Structure formats: C-alpha cells, structure tokens
C-alpha cells in the first residue's frame, strides 16, 4: 500500500509541469487527496465495512469535489488533474497510468445491478468534461477529447472526439507502435513533432528509430546467448536525451568573413 501511494504521488511530476515538490503535491492537489481516500475506502469496501467506506467517500467528495465510489477498481499511478466534478461509478475499472481531467464522468446508463460502468485500459487519457457511459471498454492508450460523449467501446490507441464520440485517429500500426516504444525507451517523444508530418526530418527520425530497434533486438539476442554461457553482464540503463533545440546561429565575424571572401566590402569569391 505504501509503495502504491508513493507511485501515485511520484506520477504527478511526470504529468503536471506545475508540480514543484512532494510537500506541495501532498498538501494542495485534490486529485491526490481523493485517490488516497479512495485507496482506504476501497480497502474497507472489500472487507465488508460498506457504510463506513461510503461515508469516507462522501467526506472525500465534500473535501475535494471528486466523487469516487469505494467499489471502483483503480490501478497504479492514477492521476486526476484539477479534479473538480469528476465522478467514477461503482463498477468502473481503471488500469495503470491513466489520467483524468476535471469534469469527467465514468457513469452508467442502466439501473440494473451488475457491470454498468466503463473499463479503462492502461495509459488512457480522458479530457476535461468528457462523459464515458455504460459497460464499455477503452483500449490501452486510448484518448478521449474534451467534452466528448462516449457510449461505444474504443479500440486500443484510438482517439475519440465529439457528441456522440467518434474515432478520428485509429489505432497505430505495428511499425508505429514499435517506433513509439523505441523513442520512449531512448527518453524522448518523437511523435510530438513527427506524427502525421511527412517531411524529411520526420522520415530520418523514423528510419533511425527502426535502425535502433533492430540493433536492440540483436543486442538482446547476444546478451541472451552470453547469459546462457553463464557469463554475468551488468545492467546499464540508457541515459535520458537532453533537449535537442537549436540555438541561434551567431553572425560571422569580420575576420572570418574576410578569410572566406564574403565580407561586406565586396570581396570576390575564390576562382577554381
């Protein structure tokens, strides 16, 4: 439980650039408060302390503006950004590394008992004001746009917008998913600049990612063969890549300009 709570707090720094310290997150983030209350109320719910778990969730709603039924199942590293107005129903299931923004509803469309709320796979992001209704499934890596109303299941990796929700960005191909995984492993997100951008730089980056993937596959095979020979190999993590921004080009100095014959006084270019 303690390890899970630490992960819940640590994941805030990965998804909110405004987070500055653990103390600030623990004391000022209502999404973290609501999740901590839910971890406790869900434990009470599973141990048949139903009334007290419901009272605790009601107190959490009064304190944070976020309503999470104690029966909902929530995975690891879950983050609710801002949080006001979020509602998560009793039979909702949320995978690992999911993110919800304010005004999101994971609700039901039936008064019948049983499964009546959505199931979210891992790495799902639901935008502000979106409504995901009914016993539907959102596949791994799915994205729901702000104020969308989703009443049908969404495939993995797809993006849904509108009322009613419609898929505007279908699932990535196997090659694209492999490139994205390789880019994430190296420490940067190539799709922030290259997705759907058919330019030479994007093509070059994609080719490099494909090449790195093949190299990684060969290295893993070699390491596996060495381990089968009972050779111990140290585990070395890849360092994160720094910013790749390009600075301004400094103007050419006068002496350098004269050396190349490109000074302002009209020097002639050298003849072959």
Protein backbone atom coordinates (compact mmCIF):
# COMPACT_ATOMS: atom_id res chain seq x y z
CA UNK A 1 0.00 0.00 0.00
CA UNK A 2 2.77 2.46 0.95
CA UNK A 3 4.62 1.70 -2.27
CA UNK A 4 1.46 2.28 -4.28
CA UNK A 5 0.85 5.62 -2.58
CA UNK A 6 4.41 6.69 -3.35
CA UNK A 7 3.85 5.84 -7.01
CA UNK A 8 0.60 7.83 -7.02
CA UNK A 9 2.44 10.89 -5.72
CA UNK A 10 5.52 10.47 -7.92
CA UNK A 11 3.48 10.18 -11.15
CA UNK A 12 2.18 13.73 -10.66
CA UNK A 13 5.61 15.12 -11.54
CA UNK A 14 5.55 13.24 -14.86
CA UNK A 15 2.18 14.69 -15.94
CA UNK A 16 1.95 18.13 -14.38
CA UNK A 17 4.83 20.57 -15.01
CA UNK A 18 3.41 22.85 -12.31
CA UNK A 19 4.32 20.37 -9.56
CA UNK A 20 7.40 21.57 -7.66
CA UNK A 21 7.78 19.43 -4.56
CA UNK A 22 6.33 16.39 -2.82
CA UNK A 23 5.08 18.61 0.01
CA UNK A 24 3.20 20.81 -2.46
CA UNK A 25 1.62 17.79 -4.17
CA UNK A 26 0.56 16.14 -0.91
CA UNK A 27 -0.93 19.30 0.56
CA UNK A 28 -2.52 21.09 -2.42
CA UNK A 29 -3.56 18.52 -5.07
CA UNK A 30 -7.22 17.45 -4.66
CA UNK A 31 -6.75 14.62 -7.16
CA UNK A 32 -4.10 13.09 -4.91
CA UNK A 33 -6.27 13.58 -1.82
CA UNK A 34 -9.26 11.91 -3.48
CA UNK A 35 -7.13 8.96 -4.59
CA UNK A 36 -5.66 8.48 -1.10
CA UNK A 37 -9.14 8.50 0.40
CA UNK A 38 -10.26 6.01 -2.24
CA UNK A 39 -7.40 3.62 -1.53
CA UNK A 40 -8.59 3.46 2.07
CA UNK A 41 -12.33 3.35 1.33
CA UNK A 42 -11.83 0.63 -1.30
CA UNK A 43 -9.93 -1.46 1.24
CA UNK A 44 -12.83 -1.04 3.69
CA UNK A 45 -15.30 -1.87 0.92
CA UNK A 46 -13.54 -5.16 0.15
CA UNK A 47 -13.56 -6.01 3.87
CA UNK A 48 -17.34 -5.51 4.11
CA UNK A 49 -17.22 -2.22 6.02
CA UNK A 50 -19.65 -0.83 3.45
CA UNK A 51 -21.27 2.01 5.40
CA UNK A 52 -18.01 3.46 6.70
CA UNK A 53 -16.40 3.23 3.24
CA UNK A 54 -19.37 5.10 1.72
CA UNK A 55 -19.16 7.73 4.46
CA UNK A 56 -15.45 8.15 3.80
CA UNK A 57 -16.02 8.58 0.06
CA UNK A 58 -18.75 11.15 0.78
CA UNK A 59 -16.37 13.06 3.04
CA UNK A 60 -13.73 12.93 0.28
CA UNK A 61 -16.25 14.36 -2.21
CA UNK A 62 -17.07 17.21 0.19
CA UNK A 63 -13.37 17.93 0.65
CA UNK A 64 -12.13 17.58 -2.94
CA UNK A 65 -15.13 17.87 -5.26
CA UNK A 66 -14.26 14.44 -6.68
CA UNK A 67 -16.68 11.53 -6.25
CA UNK A 68 -15.23 8.03 -6.44
CA UNK A 69 -17.39 5.13 -5.38
CA UNK A 70 -15.45 2.85 -2.99
CA UNK A 71 -16.31 -0.14 -5.16
CA UNK A 72 -14.43 1.24 -8.19
CA UNK A 73 -11.17 -0.50 -9.05
CA UNK A 74 -8.27 1.82 -9.80
CA UNK A 75 -4.81 0.74 -10.93
CA UNK A 76 -1.39 2.15 -10.18
CA UNK A 77 -0.11 5.67 -10.92
CA UNK A 78 -3.58 7.12 -11.47
CA UNK A 79 -3.75 10.92 -11.75
CA UNK A 80 -6.72 13.29 -11.67
CA UNK A 81 -5.64 16.76 -12.81
CA UNK A 82 -7.59 19.66 -11.26
CA UNK A 83 -10.36 17.20 -10.48
CA UNK A 84 -13.45 19.24 -9.68
CA UNK A 85 -16.60 17.47 -10.84
CA UNK A 86 -15.04 14.07 -11.57
CA UNK A 87 -17.44 11.15 -10.97
CA UNK A 88 -16.36 7.49 -11.04
CA UNK A 89 -19.08 4.85 -10.63
CA UNK A 90 -19.18 1.70 -8.56
CA UNK A 91 -18.30 -0.88 -11.21
CA UNK A 92 -15.76 1.27 -13.08
CA UNK A 93 -12.35 -0.28 -13.63
CA UNK A 94 -9.28 1.82 -14.39
CA UNK A 95 -5.93 0.42 -15.48
CA UNK A 96 -2.41 1.63 -14.74
CA UNK A 97 -1.01 5.06 -15.71
CA UNK A 98 -4.40 6.60 -16.58
CA UNK A 99 -5.16 10.33 -16.44
CA UNK A 100 -8.50 12.08 -15.97
CA UNK A 101 -9.15 15.81 -16.13
CA UNK A 102 -11.84 17.86 -14.40
CA UNK A 103 -15.49 17.25 -15.17
CA UNK A 104 -15.01 13.66 -16.35
CA UNK A 105 -17.78 11.15 -15.69
CA UNK A 106 -17.33 7.40 -15.80
CA UNK A 107 -21.02 6.66 -15.45
CA UNK A 108 -23.70 4.11 -16.14
CA UNK A 109 -26.69 4.03 -18.46
CA UNK A 110 -28.76 1.43 -16.64
CA UNK A 111 -30.44 0.99 -13.26
CA UNK A 112 -29.83 -2.74 -13.37
CA UNK A 113 -27.34 -4.28 -10.95
CA UNK A 114 -24.10 -5.72 -12.27
CA UNK A 115 -21.45 -4.25 -14.53
CA UNK A 116 -22.76 -0.87 -15.70
CA UNK A 117 -19.71 1.43 -15.76
CA UNK A 118 -16.73 1.71 -18.16
CA UNK A 119 -13.47 -0.20 -18.11
CA UNK A 120 -10.32 1.78 -18.97
CA UNK A 121 -7.16 0.02 -20.12
CA UNK A 122 -3.65 1.16 -19.30
CA UNK A 123 -2.38 4.61 -20.36
CA UNK A 124 -5.83 6.02 -21.14
CA UNK A 125 -6.33 9.80 -21.08
CA UNK A 126 -9.81 11.33 -20.74
CA UNK A 127 -10.08 15.06 -21.45
CA UNK A 128 -11.93 17.68 -19.44
CA UNK A 129 -15.72 17.37 -19.39
CA UNK A 130 -15.84 14.06 -21.24
CA UNK A 131 -18.54 11.51 -20.41
CA UNK A 132 -17.80 7.80 -20.78
CA UNK A 133 -21.04 5.95 -20.21
CA UNK A 134 -22.08 2.33 -19.91
CA UNK A 135 -20.25 -1.01 -19.59
CA UNK A 136 -17.90 -0.23 -22.46
CA UNK A 137 -14.15 -0.63 -22.78
CA UNK A 138 -11.47 1.88 -23.71
CA UNK A 139 -8.45 0.05 -25.05
CA UNK A 140 -4.88 0.59 -23.95
CA UNK A 141 -3.54 4.01 -24.91
CA UNK A 142 -6.93 5.39 -25.97
CA UNK A 143 -7.55 9.16 -25.87
CA UNK A 144 -10.89 10.88 -25.28
CA UNK A 145 -11.19 14.53 -26.30
CA UNK A 146 -12.66 17.22 -24.08
CA UNK A 147 -16.47 17.23 -23.77
CA UNK A 148 -16.83 14.06 -25.84
CA UNK A 149 -19.65 11.64 -25.02
CA UNK A 150 -18.51 8.05 -25.47
CA UNK A 151 -21.14 5.29 -25.44
CA UNK A 152 -19.34 2.66 -27.52
CA UNK A 153 -16.12 0.76 -26.91
CA UNK A 154 -12.91 2.34 -28.20
CA UNK A 155 -10.04 0.29 -29.67
CA UNK A 156 -6.53 0.49 -28.28
CA UNK A 157 -4.54 3.55 -29.34
CA UNK A 158 -7.53 5.36 -30.86
CA UNK A 159 -8.60 8.97 -30.29
CA UNK A 160 -12.29 9.82 -29.80
CA UNK A 161 -13.94 13.26 -30.07
CA UNK A 162 -17.42 14.71 -30.47
CA UNK A 163 -21.01 14.02 -29.42
CA UNK A 164 -21.58 11.16 -29.82
CA UNK A 165 -17.93 10.15 -29.73
CA UNK A 166 -16.33 9.08 -33.00
CA UNK A 167 -12.88 7.76 -33.72
CA UNK A 168 -10.75 10.35 -35.55
CA UNK A 169 -7.33 8.75 -35.09
CA UNK A 170 -7.39 4.97 -35.47
CA UNK A 171 -5.04 2.52 -33.84
CA UNK A 172 -1.40 2.85 -34.77
CA UNK A 173 0.16 0.25 -36.97
CA UNK A 174 2.63 -2.25 -35.55
CA UNK A 175 5.54 -0.28 -37.04
CA UNK A 176 4.33 2.99 -35.47
CA UNK A 177 3.85 1.37 -32.07
CA UNK A 178 7.35 -0.09 -32.29
CA UNK A 179 8.82 3.31 -33.17
CA UNK A 180 6.96 4.95 -30.31
CA UNK A 181 8.21 2.31 -27.85
CA UNK A 182 11.79 2.78 -29.08
CA UNK A 183 11.52 6.57 -28.78
CA UNK A 184 10.14 6.28 -25.25
CA UNK A 185 12.95 3.91 -24.33
CA UNK A 186 15.52 6.44 -25.52
CA UNK A 187 13.91 9.19 -23.46
CA UNK A 188 12.08 11.40 -25.92
CA UNK A 189 8.75 11.50 -27.73
CA UNK A 190 9.30 11.64 -31.47
CA UNK A 191 5.58 11.75 -32.12
CA UNK A 192 5.32 15.15 -30.51
CA UNK A 193 6.83 16.57 -33.70
CA UNK A 194 6.71 13.86 -36.33
CA UNK A 195 3.32 12.18 -36.21
CA UNK A 196 1.43 12.82 -39.43
CA UNK A 197 4.23 15.14 -40.60
CA UNK A 198 5.60 13.81 -43.91
CA UNK A 199 8.82 15.79 -44.03
CA UNK A 200 12.47 14.71 -44.47
CA UNK A 201 13.30 15.22 -40.79
CA UNK A 202 10.40 13.00 -39.72
CA UNK A 203 11.42 10.33 -42.21
CA UNK A 204 15.02 10.47 -40.97
CA UNK A 205 13.94 10.12 -37.34
CA UNK A 206 11.65 7.20 -38.18
CA UNK A 207 14.48 5.48 -40.06
CA UNK A 208 16.79 5.98 -37.08
CA UNK A 209 14.18 4.53 -34.73
CA UNK A 210 13.78 1.47 -36.97
CA UNK A 211 17.56 1.05 -37.04
CA UNK A 212 17.83 1.37 -33.26
CA UNK A 213 15.07 -1.22 -32.84
CA UNK A 214 16.99 -3.74 -34.98
CA UNK A 215 20.19 -3.02 -33.06
CA UNK A 216 18.40 -3.50 -29.73
CA UNK A 217 16.97 -6.81 -30.91
CA UNK A 218 20.41 -8.06 -31.93
CA UNK A 219 21.98 -6.87 -28.67
CA UNK A 220 19.29 -8.61 -26.62
CA UNK A 221 19.90 -11.82 -28.56
CA UNK A 222 23.65 -11.54 -27.95
CA UNK A 223 23.16 -10.87 -24.24
CA UNK A 224 20.82 -13.84 -24.00
CA UNK A 225 23.42 -16.08 -25.64
CA UNK A 226 26.12 -14.84 -23.26
CA UNK A 227 23.92 -15.43 -20.23
CA UNK A 228 23.26 -18.98 -21.39
CA UNK A 229 27.05 -19.41 -21.23
CA UNK A 230 26.87 -18.36 -17.55
CA UNK A 231 28.52 -15.01 -18.16
CA UNK A 232 27.38 -12.21 -15.85
CA UNK A 233 26.57 -8.94 -17.61
CA UNK A 234 25.92 -5.65 -15.77
CA UNK A 235 22.56 -3.96 -16.39
CA UNK A 236 23.21 -0.48 -17.76
CA UNK A 237 20.32 1.96 -18.18
CA UNK A 238 20.23 4.25 -21.17
CA UNK A 239 20.69 7.92 -20.20
CA UNK A 240 17.92 10.37 -20.98
CA UNK A 241 18.47 12.54 -24.01
CA UNK A 242 18.75 16.25 -23.37
CA UNK A 243 16.90 18.97 -25.19
CA UNK A 244 17.50 18.95 -28.92
CA UNK A 245 16.67 22.59 -29.52
CA UNK A 246 18.81 24.52 -31.99
CA UNK A 247 20.19 27.85 -30.86
CA UNK A 248 20.52 30.94 -32.97
CA UNK A 249 23.36 30.98 -35.48
CA UNK A 250 25.98 33.50 -34.47
CA UNK A 251 26.83 36.11 -37.11
CA UNK A 252 30.12 35.61 -38.90
CA UNK A 253 32.90 37.76 -37.52
CA UNK A 254 34.71 40.24 -39.75
CA UNK A 255 37.97 38.32 -39.82
CA UNK A 256 36.18 35.09 -40.72
CA UNK A 257 34.19 36.86 -43.41
CA UNK A 258 37.36 38.29 -44.96
CA UNK A 259 39.01 34.88 -44.86
CA UNK A 260 36.19 33.43 -46.93
CA UNK A 261 35.97 36.43 -49.25
CA UNK A 262 32.37 37.18 -48.17
CA UNK A 263 32.92 40.47 -46.36
CA UNK A 264 30.66 43.46 -46.84
CA UNK A 265 33.27 45.25 -48.97
CA UNK A 266 32.53 43.02 -51.92
CA UNK A 267 35.41 40.54 -51.84
CA UNK A 268 35.44 38.22 -54.81
CA UNK A 269 34.86 34.51 -54.36
CA UNK A 270 37.95 32.42 -55.00
CA UNK A 271 38.16 31.09 -58.51
CA UNK A 272 38.75 27.42 -59.26
